[in-house]
């Protein structure tokens, strides 16, 4: 992750409520995946949960990236009009 992207992410974590909620949910799912990974054996329901969590995490990440692109695009257009 570049410094600019990290700065943008930090700014959004402080200022954008939707981004904050998405990041918190993403972290929660990451912790659950870690719990599942620590199990010596996964049951069939655990495997299903693991796959579902991975898909949901990707959806959250995609939405967070959409927000970052939107913000980067709007700040870029503001800089051009200034």
N, C-alpha and C. Protein backbone atom coordinates (compact mmCIF):
# COMPACT_ATOMS: atom_id res chain seq x y z
N UNK A 1 0.85 -1.18 0.00
CA UNK A 1 0.00 0.00 0.00
C UNK A 1 0.89 1.24 0.00
N UNK A 2 0.63 2.16 -0.92
CA UNK A 2 1.44 3.36 -1.00
C UNK A 2 1.10 4.31 0.14
N UNK A 3 1.98 5.28 0.35
CA UNK A 3 1.77 6.25 1.42
C UNK A 3 0.48 7.03 1.17
N UNK A 4 0.25 7.42 -0.10
CA UNK A 4 -0.95 8.18 -0.44
C UNK A 4 -2.22 7.38 -0.10
N UNK A 5 -2.22 6.10 -0.45
CA UNK A 5 -3.38 5.25 -0.17
C UNK A 5 -3.58 5.10 1.34
N UNK A 6 -2.48 4.94 2.07
CA UNK A 6 -2.57 4.83 3.53
C UNK A 6 -3.12 6.12 4.13
N UNK A 7 -2.66 7.27 3.61
CA UNK A 7 -3.16 8.56 4.10
C UNK A 7 -4.65 8.69 3.81
N UNK A 8 -5.04 8.30 2.62
CA UNK A 8 -6.45 8.40 2.23
C UNK A 8 -7.30 7.48 3.11
N UNK A 9 -6.82 6.28 3.34
CA UNK A 9 -7.54 5.33 4.19
C UNK A 9 -7.67 5.87 5.62
N UNK A 10 -6.59 6.41 6.14
CA UNK A 10 -6.62 6.99 7.50
C UNK A 10 -7.62 8.13 7.57
N UNK A 11 -7.62 8.98 6.55
CA UNK A 11 -8.54 10.11 6.52
C UNK A 11 -10.00 9.62 6.48
N UNK A 12 -10.26 8.62 5.67
CA UNK A 12 -11.61 8.09 5.56
C UNK A 12 -12.05 7.40 6.86
N UNK A 13 -11.12 6.74 7.52
CA UNK A 13 -11.45 6.10 8.80
C UNK A 13 -11.84 7.14 9.85
N UNK A 14 -11.34 8.35 9.71
CA UNK A 14 -11.67 9.42 10.65
C UNK A 14 -12.92 10.20 10.26
N UNK A 15 -13.22 10.24 8.95
CA UNK A 15 -14.25 11.18 8.49
C UNK A 15 -15.48 10.54 7.85
N UNK A 16 -15.39 9.33 7.38
CA UNK A 16 -16.49 8.73 6.63
C UNK A 16 -17.12 7.59 7.43
N UNK A 17 -18.36 7.79 7.84
CA UNK A 17 -19.04 6.81 8.69
C UNK A 17 -19.22 5.46 8.00
N UNK A 18 -19.59 5.47 6.73
CA UNK A 18 -19.77 4.22 6.00
C UNK A 18 -18.44 3.46 5.92
N UNK A 19 -17.37 4.18 5.61
CA UNK A 19 -16.05 3.56 5.51
C UNK A 19 -15.64 2.96 6.85
N UNK A 20 -15.92 3.67 7.94
CA UNK A 20 -15.63 3.17 9.28
C UNK A 20 -16.37 1.87 9.56
N UNK A 21 -17.64 1.83 9.20
CA UNK A 21 -18.45 0.63 9.43
C UNK A 21 -17.95 -0.54 8.59
N UNK A 22 -17.62 -0.25 7.34
CA UNK A 22 -17.10 -1.31 6.47
C UNK A 22 -15.78 -1.86 7.00
N UNK A 23 -14.90 -0.97 7.43
CA UNK A 23 -13.60 -1.40 7.96
C UNK A 23 -13.76 -2.22 9.24
N UNK A 24 -14.68 -1.80 10.10
CA UNK A 24 -14.91 -2.52 11.35
C UNK A 24 -15.46 -3.92 11.06
N UNK A 25 -16.39 -4.03 10.13
CA UNK A 25 -16.95 -5.34 9.77
C UNK A 25 -15.87 -6.21 9.14
N UNK A 26 -15.05 -5.62 8.27
CA UNK A 26 -13.96 -6.36 7.63
C UNK A 26 -13.02 -6.93 8.69
N UNK A 27 -12.68 -6.11 9.68
CA UNK A 27 -11.79 -6.56 10.76
C UNK A 27 -12.45 -7.67 11.57
N UNK A 28 -13.72 -7.53 11.85
CA UNK A 28 -14.46 -8.56 12.59
C UNK A 28 -14.43 -9.89 11.85
N UNK A 29 -14.65 -9.84 10.54
CA UNK A 29 -14.62 -11.07 9.74
C UNK A 29 -13.22 -11.66 9.68
N UNK A 30 -12.21 -10.80 9.62
CA UNK A 30 -10.82 -11.28 9.62
C UNK A 30 -10.52 -12.02 10.92
N UNK A 31 -11.02 -11.50 12.03
CA UNK A 31 -10.81 -12.17 13.32
C UNK A 31 -11.50 -13.53 13.34
N UNK A 32 -12.69 -13.60 12.79
CA UNK A 32 -13.41 -14.89 12.75
C UNK A 32 -12.66 -15.89 11.87
N UNK A 33 -12.15 -15.42 10.73
CA UNK A 33 -11.36 -16.31 9.87
C UNK A 33 -10.13 -16.83 10.61
N UNK A 34 -9.52 -15.98 11.40
CA UNK A 34 -8.35 -16.38 12.18
C UNK A 34 -8.74 -17.46 13.20
N UNK A 35 -9.90 -17.28 13.82
CA UNK A 35 -10.38 -18.30 14.76
C UNK A 35 -10.58 -19.64 14.06
N UNK A 36 -11.17 -19.60 12.88
CA UNK A 36 -11.39 -20.83 12.12
C UNK A 36 -10.06 -21.46 11.72
N UNK A 37 -9.10 -20.63 11.34
CA UNK A 37 -7.79 -21.13 10.91
C UNK A 37 -7.04 -21.81 12.06
N UNK A 38 -7.33 -21.38 13.28
CA UNK A 38 -6.67 -21.96 14.45
C UNK A 38 -7.22 -23.33 14.83
N UNK A 39 -8.37 -23.68 14.28
CA UNK A 39 -8.95 -24.99 14.59
C UNK A 39 -8.15 -26.08 13.90
N UNK A 40 -7.90 -27.19 14.59
CA UNK A 40 -7.15 -28.28 13.96
C UNK A 40 -7.94 -28.97 12.84
N UNK A 41 -9.26 -28.94 12.94
CA UNK A 41 -10.11 -29.58 11.93
C UNK A 41 -11.37 -28.73 11.76
N UNK A 42 -11.74 -28.50 10.50
CA UNK A 42 -12.96 -27.74 10.24
C UNK A 42 -14.08 -28.69 9.84
N UNK A 43 -15.22 -28.52 10.47
CA UNK A 43 -16.40 -29.29 10.10
C UNK A 43 -16.95 -28.73 8.78
N UNK A 44 -17.90 -29.41 8.22
CA UNK A 44 -18.52 -28.93 6.97
C UNK A 44 -19.14 -27.54 7.17
N UNK A 45 -19.89 -27.32 8.26
CA UNK A 45 -20.43 -25.97 8.47
C UNK A 45 -19.32 -24.91 8.63
N UNK A 46 -18.19 -25.29 9.23
CA UNK A 46 -17.06 -24.38 9.35
C UNK A 46 -16.50 -24.01 7.98
N UNK A 47 -16.40 -25.01 7.10
CA UNK A 47 -15.91 -24.75 5.74
C UNK A 47 -16.84 -23.79 5.01
N UNK A 48 -18.13 -24.01 5.16
CA UNK A 48 -19.12 -23.14 4.52
C UNK A 48 -19.00 -21.72 5.09
N UNK A 49 -18.88 -21.62 6.39
CA UNK A 49 -18.74 -20.31 7.03
C UNK A 49 -17.47 -19.62 6.54
N UNK A 50 -16.39 -20.37 6.45
CA UNK A 50 -15.12 -19.81 6.00
C UNK A 50 -15.25 -19.24 4.57
N UNK A 51 -15.87 -20.00 3.69
CA UNK A 51 -16.05 -19.53 2.31
C UNK A 51 -16.95 -18.30 2.26
N UNK A 52 -18.01 -18.32 3.06
CA UNK A 52 -18.93 -17.19 3.10
C UNK A 52 -18.23 -15.94 3.62
N UNK A 53 -17.44 -16.09 4.65
CA UNK A 53 -16.70 -14.96 5.22
C UNK A 53 -15.73 -14.38 4.19
N UNK A 54 -15.02 -15.24 3.49
CA UNK A 54 -14.07 -14.76 2.49
C UNK A 54 -14.78 -13.95 1.40
N UNK A 55 -15.92 -14.42 0.96
CA UNK A 55 -16.69 -13.69 -0.06
C UNK A 55 -17.17 -12.35 0.48
N UNK A 56 -17.65 -12.34 1.70
CA UNK A 56 -18.15 -11.10 2.31
C UNK A 56 -17.01 -10.10 2.50
N UNK A 57 -15.84 -10.60 2.92
CA UNK A 57 -14.69 -9.71 3.08
C UNK A 57 -14.32 -9.06 1.76
N UNK A 58 -14.36 -9.82 0.68
CA UNK A 58 -14.06 -9.26 -0.64
C UNK A 58 -15.08 -8.19 -1.04
N UNK A 59 -16.35 -8.44 -0.73
CA UNK A 59 -17.38 -7.45 -1.02
C UNK A 59 -17.12 -6.15 -0.25
N UNK A 60 -16.78 -6.30 1.02
CA UNK A 60 -16.49 -5.13 1.85
C UNK A 60 -15.27 -4.37 1.31
N UNK A 61 -14.23 -5.11 0.97
CA UNK A 61 -13.02 -4.49 0.44
C UNK A 61 -13.32 -3.75 -0.86
N UNK A 62 -14.11 -4.37 -1.74
CA UNK A 62 -14.48 -3.72 -2.99
C UNK A 62 -15.24 -2.42 -2.73
N UNK A 63 -16.16 -2.44 -1.79
CA UNK A 63 -16.92 -1.23 -1.47
C UNK A 63 -16.01 -0.15 -0.89
N UNK A 64 -15.08 -0.55 -0.02
CA UNK A 64 -14.13 0.41 0.54
C UNK A 64 -13.27 1.02 -0.56
N UNK A 65 -12.85 0.21 -1.51
CA UNK A 65 -12.05 0.72 -2.63
C UNK A 65 -12.88 1.65 -3.51
N UNK A 66 -14.16 1.35 -3.68
CA UNK A 66 -15.06 2.24 -4.43
C UNK A 66 -15.11 3.62 -3.77
N UNK A 67 -15.23 3.63 -2.45
CA UNK A 67 -15.27 4.89 -1.71
C UNK A 67 -13.96 5.64 -1.88
N UNK A 68 -12.85 4.93 -1.80
CA UNK A 68 -11.54 5.57 -1.95
C UNK A 68 -11.38 6.16 -3.35
N UNK A 69 -11.84 5.44 -4.37
CA UNK A 69 -11.77 5.97 -5.75
C UNK A 69 -12.65 7.20 -5.90
N UNK A 70 -13.84 7.14 -5.30
CA UNK A 70 -14.77 8.28 -5.38
C UNK A 70 -14.14 9.51 -4.75
N UNK A 71 -13.56 9.34 -3.57
CA UNK A 71 -12.93 10.46 -2.87
C UNK A 71 -11.72 10.97 -3.65
N UNK A 72 -10.91 10.05 -4.17
CA UNK A 72 -9.74 10.46 -4.95
C UNK A 72 -10.18 11.21 -6.21
N UNK A 73 -11.24 10.74 -6.83
CA UNK A 73 -11.75 11.40 -8.03
C UNK A 73 -12.29 12.78 -7.74
N UNK A 74 -13.01 12.91 -6.64
CA UNK A 74 -13.60 14.22 -6.31
C UNK A 74 -12.51 15.19 -5.85
N UNK A 75 -11.49 14.72 -5.16
CA UNK A 75 -10.41 15.63 -4.74
C UNK A 75 -9.56 16.02 -5.94
N UNK A 76 -9.44 15.10 -6.90
CA UNK A 76 -8.70 15.43 -8.12
C UNK A 76 -9.42 16.46 -8.95
N UNK A 77 -10.73 16.36 -9.06
CA UNK A 77 -11.50 17.33 -9.84
C UNK A 77 -11.55 18.67 -9.12
N UNK A 78 -11.52 18.66 -7.78
CA UNK A 78 -11.49 19.91 -7.03
C UNK A 78 -10.15 20.61 -7.24
N UNK A 79 -9.07 19.84 -7.29
CA UNK A 79 -7.75 20.43 -7.48
C UNK A 79 -7.65 21.06 -8.88
N UNK A 80 -8.29 20.43 -9.88
CA UNK A 80 -8.24 20.95 -11.23
C UNK A 80 -9.06 22.24 -11.37
N UNK A 81 -10.14 22.35 -10.61
CA UNK A 81 -10.99 23.53 -10.73
C UNK A 81 -10.48 24.68 -9.87
N UNK A 82 -9.50 24.44 -9.02
CA UNK A 82 -8.98 25.49 -8.14
C UNK A 82 -7.99 26.38 -8.84
